[in-house]
Amino acid sequence: MNRRSGGVPKRQRTRLGVPGQVQSRRQLLAVALRYATVGLFGAAGASVISRRRRLAREGKCINDGVCRGCEVLKTCSLPQALSAKEILTD
């Protein structure tokens, strides 16, 4: 169909796969940047989680030696944590 007859052009860009919605370059760039940002946040979160797991597996402190307020103090068996537990429970 052509534009004069009021139909949809044959090669029409779609927005995220939805037929009938035209997408400009600006919209395409905005969507691409949005998904890239979400991906970067996901990668950063995965990096933090993997670092904590690696340090815990190696027997190193995951909280830079600050035991007060540490979320794993109850289960930690490092010497510094054991002495902190004795002090904090008294």
N, C-alpha and C. Protein backbone atom coordinates (compact mmCIF):
# COMPACT_ATOMS: atom_id res chain seq x y z
N MET A 1 0.85 -1.18 0.00
CA MET A 1 0.00 0.00 0.00
C MET A 1 0.89 1.23 0.00
N ASN A 2 0.37 2.29 -0.51
CA ASN A 2 1.14 3.51 -0.49
C ASN A 2 0.52 4.52 0.45
N ARG A 3 1.21 5.63 0.65
CA ARG A 3 0.75 6.61 1.62
C ARG A 3 -0.50 7.35 1.16
N ARG A 4 -0.68 7.49 -0.12
CA ARG A 4 -1.84 8.22 -0.63
C ARG A 4 -3.15 7.50 -0.34
N SER A 5 -3.10 6.21 -0.36
CA SER A 5 -4.34 5.47 -0.12
C SER A 5 -4.67 5.34 1.36
N GLY A 6 -3.81 5.90 2.22
CA GLY A 6 -4.09 5.87 3.65
C GLY A 6 -3.63 4.61 4.34
N GLY A 7 -2.96 3.75 3.62
CA GLY A 7 -2.48 2.50 4.21
C GLY A 7 -1.13 2.68 4.88
N VAL A 8 -0.64 1.63 5.45
CA VAL A 8 0.65 1.63 6.12
C VAL A 8 1.73 1.32 5.09
N PRO A 9 2.82 2.08 5.07
CA PRO A 9 3.88 1.78 4.11
C PRO A 9 4.45 0.38 4.34
N LYS A 10 5.01 -0.20 3.28
CA LYS A 10 5.51 -1.56 3.37
C LYS A 10 6.65 -1.70 4.37
N ARG A 11 7.62 -0.81 4.32
CA ARG A 11 8.79 -0.90 5.20
C ARG A 11 8.69 0.17 6.28
N GLN A 12 7.96 -0.12 7.29
CA GLN A 12 7.77 0.83 8.38
C GLN A 12 8.55 0.35 9.59
N ARG A 13 9.32 1.27 10.18
CA ARG A 13 10.06 0.92 11.39
C ARG A 13 9.07 0.73 12.53
N THR A 14 9.33 -0.26 13.35
CA THR A 14 8.43 -0.52 14.47
C THR A 14 9.13 -0.23 15.78
N ARG A 15 8.36 0.03 16.79
CA ARG A 15 8.91 0.30 18.10
C ARG A 15 8.89 -0.97 18.91
N LEU A 16 10.07 -1.52 19.18
CA LEU A 16 10.23 -2.74 19.96
C LEU A 16 9.36 -3.89 19.45
N GLY A 17 9.25 -3.97 18.15
CA GLY A 17 8.55 -5.09 17.56
C GLY A 17 7.05 -4.96 17.50
N VAL A 18 6.49 -3.83 17.91
CA VAL A 18 5.04 -3.65 17.86
C VAL A 18 4.70 -3.04 16.50
N PRO A 19 3.98 -3.74 15.65
CA PRO A 19 3.66 -3.22 14.32
C PRO A 19 2.77 -1.98 14.40
N GLY A 20 3.05 -1.05 13.51
CA GLY A 20 2.19 0.13 13.40
C GLY A 20 2.68 1.34 14.17
N GLN A 21 3.68 1.21 15.01
CA GLN A 21 4.20 2.36 15.76
C GLN A 21 5.55 2.75 15.18
N VAL A 22 5.62 3.94 14.62
CA VAL A 22 6.85 4.42 14.00
C VAL A 22 7.82 4.86 15.10
N GLN A 23 9.09 4.56 14.89
CA GLN A 23 10.11 4.90 15.88
C GLN A 23 11.15 5.80 15.22
N SER A 24 11.41 6.92 15.82
CA SER A 24 12.42 7.83 15.29
C SER A 24 13.79 7.43 15.82
N ARG A 25 14.81 8.05 15.26
CA ARG A 25 16.17 7.75 15.74
C ARG A 25 16.33 8.16 17.20
N ARG A 26 15.74 9.26 17.57
CA ARG A 26 15.83 9.73 18.95
C ARG A 26 15.21 8.72 19.91
N GLN A 27 14.06 8.18 19.54
CA GLN A 27 13.41 7.17 20.39
C GLN A 27 14.25 5.90 20.45
N LEU A 28 14.83 5.52 19.31
CA LEU A 28 15.68 4.34 19.27
C LEU A 28 16.89 4.52 20.17
N LEU A 29 17.52 5.69 20.11
CA LEU A 29 18.67 5.96 20.95
C LEU A 29 18.29 5.96 22.43
N ALA A 30 17.14 6.54 22.76
CA ALA A 30 16.69 6.58 24.15
C ALA A 30 16.44 5.17 24.67
N VAL A 31 15.82 4.32 23.89
CA VAL A 31 15.56 2.95 24.30
C VAL A 31 16.87 2.18 24.46
N ALA A 32 17.80 2.38 23.51
CA ALA A 32 19.09 1.70 23.58
C ALA A 32 19.86 2.12 24.83
N LEU A 33 19.87 3.42 25.13
CA LEU A 33 20.57 3.90 26.32
C LEU A 33 19.91 3.39 27.60
N ARG A 34 18.59 3.30 27.59
CA ARG A 34 17.88 2.79 28.76
C ARG A 34 18.27 1.34 29.04
N TYR A 35 18.27 0.52 28.00
CA TYR A 35 18.63 -0.88 28.19
C TYR A 35 20.10 -1.05 28.53
N ALA A 36 20.96 -0.20 27.97
CA ALA A 36 22.38 -0.25 28.30
C ALA A 36 22.60 0.10 29.77
N THR A 37 21.87 1.09 30.27
CA THR A 37 21.98 1.48 31.68
C THR A 37 21.51 0.35 32.59
N VAL A 38 20.41 -0.27 32.24
CA VAL A 38 19.91 -1.41 33.04
C VAL A 38 20.94 -2.54 33.03
N GLY A 39 21.54 -2.78 31.89
CA GLY A 39 22.57 -3.81 31.78
C GLY A 39 23.79 -3.50 32.63
N LEU A 40 24.21 -2.23 32.65
CA LEU A 40 25.36 -1.84 33.47
C LEU A 40 25.07 -1.99 34.95
N PHE A 41 23.87 -1.61 35.37
CA PHE A 41 23.50 -1.79 36.78
C PHE A 41 23.45 -3.27 37.14
N GLY A 42 22.95 -4.09 36.25
CA GLY A 42 22.93 -5.53 36.50
C GLY A 42 24.33 -6.11 36.59
N ALA A 43 25.23 -5.66 35.72
CA ALA A 43 26.61 -6.14 35.75
C ALA A 43 27.31 -5.69 37.03
N ALA A 44 27.05 -4.47 37.46
CA ALA A 44 27.66 -3.97 38.70
C ALA A 44 27.16 -4.77 39.90
N GLY A 45 25.88 -5.07 39.94
CA GLY A 45 25.33 -5.88 41.03
C GLY A 45 25.91 -7.28 41.04
N ALA A 46 26.04 -7.87 39.88
CA ALA A 46 26.62 -9.21 39.79
C ALA A 46 28.08 -9.20 40.22
N SER A 47 28.79 -8.12 39.91
CA SER A 47 30.19 -7.99 40.31
C SER A 47 30.32 -7.93 41.83
N VAL A 48 29.46 -7.16 42.47
CA VAL A 48 29.49 -7.04 43.93
C VAL A 48 29.19 -8.38 44.58
N ILE A 49 28.19 -9.07 44.09
CA ILE A 49 27.81 -10.36 44.66
C ILE A 49 28.92 -11.38 44.47
N SER A 50 29.53 -11.42 43.28
CA SER A 50 30.59 -12.40 43.05
C SER A 50 31.82 -12.08 43.89
N ARG A 51 32.10 -10.79 44.11
CA ARG A 51 33.24 -10.42 44.96
C ARG A 51 33.01 -10.89 46.39
N ARG A 52 31.83 -10.67 46.90
CA ARG A 52 31.53 -11.11 48.28
C ARG A 52 31.63 -12.63 48.41
N ARG A 53 31.13 -13.33 47.43
CA ARG A 53 31.20 -14.80 47.50
C ARG A 53 32.64 -15.28 47.43
N ARG A 54 33.43 -14.65 46.56
CA ARG A 54 34.84 -15.05 46.43
C ARG A 54 35.60 -14.78 47.72
N LEU A 55 35.40 -13.62 48.32
CA LEU A 55 36.09 -13.29 49.56
C LEU A 55 35.67 -14.22 50.70
N ALA A 56 34.39 -14.54 50.77
CA ALA A 56 33.92 -15.45 51.81
C ALA A 56 34.51 -16.85 51.62
N ARG A 57 34.61 -17.27 50.37
CA ARG A 57 35.17 -18.60 50.08
C ARG A 57 36.66 -18.64 50.42
N GLU A 58 37.38 -17.53 50.21
CA GLU A 58 38.81 -17.48 50.51
C GLU A 58 39.09 -17.23 51.99
N GLY A 59 38.07 -16.96 52.77
CA GLY A 59 38.25 -16.71 54.19
C GLY A 59 38.72 -15.30 54.48
N LYS A 60 38.37 -14.35 53.62
CA LYS A 60 38.75 -12.96 53.82
C LYS A 60 37.52 -12.15 54.22
N CYS A 61 37.76 -11.03 54.87
CA CYS A 61 36.68 -10.18 55.34
C CYS A 61 36.00 -9.49 54.15
N ILE A 62 34.67 -9.51 54.14
CA ILE A 62 33.93 -8.87 53.06
C ILE A 62 33.53 -7.45 53.41
N ASN A 63 33.80 -7.03 54.64
CA ASN A 63 33.36 -5.71 55.09
C ASN A 63 34.56 -4.83 55.47
N ASP A 64 35.72 -5.10 54.89
CA ASP A 64 36.94 -4.33 55.11
C ASP A 64 37.32 -4.24 56.59
N GLY A 65 37.08 -5.26 57.35
CA GLY A 65 37.51 -5.31 58.74
C GLY A 65 36.62 -4.60 59.74
N VAL A 66 35.50 -4.10 59.31
CA VAL A 66 34.57 -3.41 60.21
C VAL A 66 33.49 -4.41 60.60
N CYS A 67 33.59 -4.93 61.81
CA CYS A 67 32.66 -5.99 62.23
C CYS A 67 31.32 -5.45 62.73
N ARG A 68 31.34 -4.29 63.35
CA ARG A 68 30.09 -3.74 63.88
C ARG A 68 29.17 -3.40 62.70
N GLY A 69 27.99 -3.96 62.70
CA GLY A 69 27.02 -3.71 61.65
C GLY A 69 27.17 -4.62 60.44
N CYS A 70 28.11 -5.56 60.49
CA CYS A 70 28.31 -6.48 59.36
C CYS A 70 27.16 -7.47 59.33
N GLU A 71 26.67 -7.74 58.13
CA GLU A 71 25.51 -8.63 58.00
C GLU A 71 25.85 -10.11 58.18
N VAL A 72 27.13 -10.47 58.09
CA VAL A 72 27.51 -11.88 58.24
C VAL A 72 28.30 -12.12 59.53
N LEU A 73 28.23 -11.20 60.47
CA LEU A 73 28.99 -11.33 61.72
C LEU A 73 28.58 -12.59 62.50
N LYS A 74 27.32 -12.92 62.49
CA LYS A 74 26.85 -14.08 63.26
C LYS A 74 27.48 -15.39 62.78
N THR A 75 27.72 -15.50 61.50
CA THR A 75 28.25 -16.75 60.95
C THR A 75 29.74 -16.68 60.62
N CYS A 76 30.36 -15.52 60.82
CA CYS A 76 31.76 -15.33 60.45
C CYS A 76 32.67 -16.03 61.46
N SER A 77 33.74 -16.66 60.96
CA SER A 77 34.67 -17.37 61.83
C SER A 77 36.08 -16.80 61.77
N LEU A 78 36.23 -15.61 61.23
CA LEU A 78 37.55 -14.98 61.20
C LEU A 78 37.94 -14.54 62.62
N PRO A 79 39.23 -14.53 62.92
CA PRO A 79 39.67 -14.19 64.29
C PRO A 79 39.18 -12.81 64.75
N GLN A 80 39.21 -11.84 63.88
CA GLN A 80 38.75 -10.50 64.25
C GLN A 80 37.26 -10.52 64.57
N ALA A 81 36.49 -11.29 63.84
CA ALA A 81 35.05 -11.37 64.08
C ALA A 81 34.75 -12.10 65.39
N LEU A 82 35.54 -13.14 65.70
CA LEU A 82 35.33 -13.86 66.95
C LEU A 82 35.58 -12.95 68.15
N SER A 83 36.62 -12.14 68.08
CA SER A 83 36.87 -11.22 69.19
C SER A 83 35.82 -10.12 69.23
N ALA A 84 35.33 -9.69 68.11
CA ALA A 84 34.26 -8.69 68.08
C ALA A 84 32.97 -9.25 68.66
N LYS A 85 32.69 -10.51 68.39
CA LYS A 85 31.50 -11.14 68.95
C LYS A 85 31.57 -11.18 70.47
N GLU A 86 32.75 -11.52 71.00
CA GLU A 86 32.92 -11.55 72.46
C GLU A 86 32.68 -10.17 73.07
N ILE A 87 33.20 -9.15 72.43
CA ILE A 87 33.08 -7.79 72.95
C ILE A 87 31.63 -7.30 72.84
N LEU A 88 31.00 -7.57 71.71
CA LEU A 88 29.66 -7.05 71.47
C LEU A 88 28.59 -7.79 72.27
N THR A 89 28.84 -9.05 72.65
CA THR A 89 27.83 -9.79 73.40
C THR A 89 27.93 -9.55 74.91
N ASP A 90 29.03 -8.97 75.35
CA ASP A 90 29.17 -8.68 76.79
C ASP A 90 28.34 -7.50 77.22
